[in-house]
Amino acid sequence: MLLQGPKQKYELGMGYAKKALDLAIRANRVEEFVSHLKNFIEVTKTDLFSMQNSTSVEDPLHIPHKG
């Protein structure tokens, strides 16, 4: 699957996040799910910070929402 733009990437990611949260709730494993998300966020922030120090970083991603 080739994702063309940020909106498609956002929709794909949100779809999986919703499915994963639903499963975590049903399995009573929400804390484990949140722990994985926190770890992903910290690792990604570290990666972005190291990239920022070596190259120029673009403006943050902005996804327009309805309403």
Protein backbone atom coordinates (compact mmCIF):
# COMPACT_ATOMS: atom_id res chain seq x y z
CA MET A 1 0.00 0.00 0.00
CA LEU A 2 1.48 3.32 -1.11
CA LEU A 3 0.38 6.22 1.08
CA GLN A 4 0.31 9.43 -0.91
CA GLY A 5 -0.04 12.18 1.65
CA PRO A 6 -0.19 13.01 5.35
CA LYS A 7 -3.98 12.63 5.49
CA GLN A 8 -3.80 9.02 4.24
CA LYS A 9 -0.99 8.26 6.70
CA TYR A 10 -3.00 9.82 9.54
CA GLU A 11 -6.12 7.81 8.64
CA LEU A 12 -4.15 4.56 8.45
CA GLY A 13 -2.45 5.18 11.78
CA MET A 14 -5.68 6.17 13.54
CA GLY A 15 -7.42 3.08 12.21
CA TYR A 16 -4.79 0.80 13.71
CA ALA A 17 -4.66 2.79 16.95
CA LYS A 18 -8.43 2.45 17.40
CA LYS A 19 -8.33 -1.29 16.69
CA ALA A 20 -5.43 -1.77 19.11
CA LEU A 21 -7.14 0.23 21.87
CA ASP A 22 -10.36 -1.73 21.41
CA LEU A 23 -8.46 -5.01 21.76
CA ALA A 24 -6.53 -3.70 24.78
CA ILE A 25 -9.78 -2.71 26.50
CA ARG A 26 -11.40 -6.09 25.79
CA ALA A 27 -8.30 -7.93 27.03
CA ASN A 28 -7.95 -5.64 30.07
CA ARG A 29 -4.44 -4.63 28.90
CA VAL A 30 -4.84 -0.87 28.49
CA GLU A 31 -1.87 -0.08 30.74
CA GLU A 32 0.38 -2.30 28.62
CA PHE A 33 -0.92 -0.63 25.43
CA VAL A 34 -0.28 2.84 26.83
CA SER A 35 3.19 1.77 27.94
CA HIS A 36 4.01 0.72 24.37
CA LEU A 37 2.74 4.06 23.06
CA LYS A 38 4.78 6.03 25.60
CA ASN A 39 7.90 4.08 24.66
CA PHE A 40 7.28 4.67 20.94
CA ILE A 41 6.80 8.40 21.56
CA GLU A 42 10.01 8.73 23.57
CA VAL A 43 12.10 6.77 21.05
CA THR A 44 10.66 8.75 18.14
CA LYS A 45 11.20 12.10 19.89
CA THR A 46 14.82 11.12 20.50
CA ASP A 47 15.25 10.12 16.85
CA LEU A 48 13.69 13.38 15.63
CA PHE A 49 15.86 15.41 18.00
CA SER A 50 19.04 13.73 16.72
CA MET A 51 17.90 14.30 13.11
CA GLN A 52 17.19 17.95 13.92
CA ASN A 53 20.72 18.41 15.19
CA SER A 54 22.18 16.99 11.99
CA THR A 55 19.79 18.51 9.41
CA SER A 56 17.08 21.10 9.01
CA VAL A 57 13.62 19.98 10.16
CA GLU A 58 10.43 21.07 8.42
CA ASP A 59 7.41 22.61 10.13
CA PRO A 60 5.34 20.16 12.21
CA LEU A 61 2.72 18.09 10.43
CA HIS A 62 -0.67 19.83 10.39
CA ILE A 63 -3.78 17.83 9.60
CA PRO A 64 -6.88 19.96 9.05
CA HIS A 65 -9.99 18.63 10.78
CA LYS A 66 -13.63 19.15 10.02
CA GLY A 67 -15.65 21.46 12.25
